[in-house]
Amino acid sequence: MQTDWLYGLAGGLVIGLSAAIYLLVNGRVMGASGILGGLVDGSGYVTAMERLSFIGGLVFVPALFAVFVGAPETHLTGNWIVLIAAGLLVGVGTRIANGCTSGHGVCGISRFSLRGMVATVFYIGAGGVTVMLFKHILGVI
């Protein structure tokens, strides 16, 4: 029996729990792009340690999981041009939407934010169009 779906379920539960804790403790929405953006542009200097801890957790917890439990199989492309283009598109989209999947998708929808719901619909749609374009039309992925 395949149990990869359990990783997704566990990950979703942990993300939701962490978003709720972050909101309760800090009184702010857990938006990863805003947390990282505050480090990059210097606007989050006062809360730099909190931000660095958050970003560190995003990087090191999955790495530890992979070491001790094993990494689930992914279908990530080995094409560096596609990876760089994807990163740039995500970054630009995050700026345009004033937030990312954690801020709009996880926290916005759970708070019944119309702005978060609309942003989520658009970035999910843009992701689908991008995959269709890169994979099925250009054959790059």
Protein backbone atom coordinates (compact mmCIF):
# COMPACT_ATOMS: atom_id res chain seq x y z
CA MET A 1 0.00 0.00 0.00
CA GLN A 2 1.34 3.40 -0.97
CA THR A 3 1.54 5.83 1.95
CA ASP A 4 3.09 8.92 0.33
CA TRP A 5 -0.18 10.77 0.88
CA LEU A 6 0.53 10.56 4.61
CA TYR A 7 3.55 12.86 4.11
CA GLY A 8 1.26 15.45 2.52
CA LEU A 9 -1.31 15.10 5.27
CA ALA A 10 1.30 15.39 8.03
CA GLY A 11 2.95 18.34 6.29
CA GLY A 12 -0.36 20.13 5.90
CA LEU A 13 -1.23 19.58 9.55
CA VAL A 14 2.17 20.89 10.67
CA ILE A 15 1.91 23.96 8.42
CA GLY A 16 -1.60 24.72 9.69
CA LEU A 17 -0.55 24.26 13.31
CA SER A 18 2.51 26.44 12.86
CA ALA A 19 0.42 29.17 11.19
CA ALA A 20 -2.02 29.12 14.11
CA ILE A 21 0.77 29.25 16.70
CA TYR A 22 2.53 32.07 14.81
CA LEU A 23 -0.70 34.08 14.72
CA LEU A 24 -1.43 33.47 18.41
CA VAL A 25 2.10 34.27 19.58
CA ASN A 26 2.91 37.21 17.29
CA GLY A 27 -0.49 38.53 16.27
CA ARG A 28 0.66 38.43 12.64
CA VAL A 29 -0.09 36.19 9.68
CA MET A 30 2.60 33.64 8.85
CA GLY A 31 3.58 34.68 5.35
CA ALA A 32 6.93 33.17 4.40
CA SER A 33 7.56 35.72 1.65
CA GLY A 34 6.97 38.61 4.06
CA ILE A 35 9.18 37.03 6.70
CA LEU A 36 12.00 36.50 4.21
CA GLY A 37 11.35 39.85 2.49
CA GLY A 38 11.78 41.68 5.80
CA LEU A 39 15.25 40.16 6.11
CA VAL A 40 16.18 41.05 2.54
CA ASP A 41 14.99 44.67 2.51
CA GLY A 42 15.94 45.38 6.14
CA SER A 43 12.41 46.29 7.27
CA GLY A 44 12.34 43.31 9.66
CA TYR A 45 15.58 44.12 11.45
CA VAL A 46 13.86 44.36 14.85
CA THR A 47 12.54 40.81 14.55
CA ALA A 48 15.54 39.41 12.66
CA MET A 49 16.16 36.50 15.06
CA GLU A 50 12.53 35.41 14.89
CA ARG A 51 12.63 35.63 11.10
CA LEU A 52 15.93 33.74 10.85
CA SER A 53 14.57 31.02 13.15
CA PHE A 54 11.49 30.66 10.96
CA ILE A 55 13.50 30.47 7.72
CA GLY A 56 15.97 28.09 9.37
CA GLY A 57 13.11 25.81 10.33
CA LEU A 58 11.82 25.83 6.75
CA VAL A 59 15.22 24.68 5.52
CA PHE A 60 16.55 22.39 8.27
CA VAL A 61 13.44 20.48 9.40
CA PRO A 62 12.83 18.89 5.96
CA ALA A 63 16.56 18.18 5.69
CA LEU A 64 16.52 16.39 9.05
CA PHE A 65 13.39 14.51 8.03
CA ALA A 66 15.12 13.33 4.85
CA VAL A 67 18.17 12.17 6.81
CA PHE A 68 16.26 10.22 9.47
CA VAL A 69 13.11 9.06 7.65
CA GLY A 70 14.09 9.32 4.01
CA ALA A 71 13.05 11.73 1.33
CA PRO A 72 9.84 11.02 -0.55
CA GLU A 73 10.12 10.57 -4.30
CA THR A 74 9.65 13.78 -6.26
CA HIS A 75 9.46 14.61 -9.92
CA LEU A 76 11.62 17.72 -9.78
CA THR A 77 13.27 18.57 -13.06
CA GLY A 78 17.03 18.56 -13.42
CA ASN A 79 16.86 21.45 -15.88
CA TRP A 80 18.50 24.42 -14.13
CA ILE A 81 16.97 26.95 -16.54
CA VAL A 82 13.49 25.76 -15.63
CA LEU A 83 14.32 25.88 -11.91
CA ILE A 84 15.68 29.42 -12.15
CA ALA A 85 12.72 30.57 -14.25
CA ALA A 86 10.33 28.97 -11.74
CA GLY A 87 12.03 30.73 -8.83
CA LEU A 88 11.88 34.08 -10.59
CA LEU A 89 8.22 33.60 -11.53
CA VAL A 90 7.34 32.69 -7.94
CA GLY A 91 9.23 35.73 -6.65
CA VAL A 92 7.54 38.11 -9.09
CA GLY A 93 4.13 36.57 -8.41
CA THR A 94 4.66 36.90 -4.68
CA ARG A 95 5.41 40.61 -5.06
CA ILE A 96 2.43 41.18 -7.36
CA ALA A 97 0.05 39.38 -4.98
CA ASN A 98 1.59 40.96 -1.86
CA GLY A 99 1.99 37.51 -0.37
CA CYS A 100 2.55 33.83 -0.98
CA THR A 101 0.88 30.49 -0.49
CA SER A 102 1.42 30.49 3.26
CA GLY A 103 0.05 34.00 3.75
CA HIS A 104 -2.83 33.93 1.29
CA GLY A 105 -3.52 30.22 0.91
CA VAL A 106 -3.07 28.86 4.42
CA CYS A 107 -3.73 31.90 6.58
CA GLY A 108 -5.96 33.94 4.27
CA ILE A 109 -8.43 31.20 3.45
CA SER A 110 -8.60 30.02 7.07
CA ARG A 111 -9.51 33.60 8.10
CA PHE A 112 -12.11 33.83 5.29
CA SER A 113 -10.15 36.67 3.69
CA LEU A 114 -11.62 37.49 0.28
CA ARG A 115 -8.25 38.90 -0.83
CA GLY A 116 -6.53 35.67 0.24
CA MET A 117 -9.08 33.51 -1.56
CA VAL A 118 -8.84 35.51 -4.79
CA ALA A 119 -5.02 35.49 -4.67
CA THR A 120 -5.03 31.73 -4.08
CA VAL A 121 -7.33 31.09 -7.05
CA PHE A 122 -5.09 33.18 -9.28
CA TYR A 123 -1.76 31.69 -8.24
CA ILE A 124 -3.09 28.13 -8.46
CA GLY A 125 -4.45 28.96 -11.92
CA ALA A 126 -1.17 30.61 -12.96
CA GLY A 127 0.72 27.53 -11.76
CA GLY A 128 -1.51 25.25 -13.83
CA VAL A 129 -1.07 27.42 -16.93
CA THR A 130 2.70 27.51 -16.38
CA VAL A 131 2.95 23.71 -16.09
CA MET A 132 0.80 23.33 -19.19
CA LEU A 133 3.00 25.77 -21.09
CA PHE A 134 6.37 24.39 -19.97
CA LYS A 135 5.52 20.70 -20.02
CA HIS A 136 2.96 20.18 -22.72
CA ILE A 137 3.57 23.01 -25.17
CA LEU A 138 7.31 23.74 -24.84
CA GLY A 139 8.28 20.24 -23.67
CA VAL A 140 10.91 21.71 -21.33
CA ILE A 141 10.16 19.91 -18.08
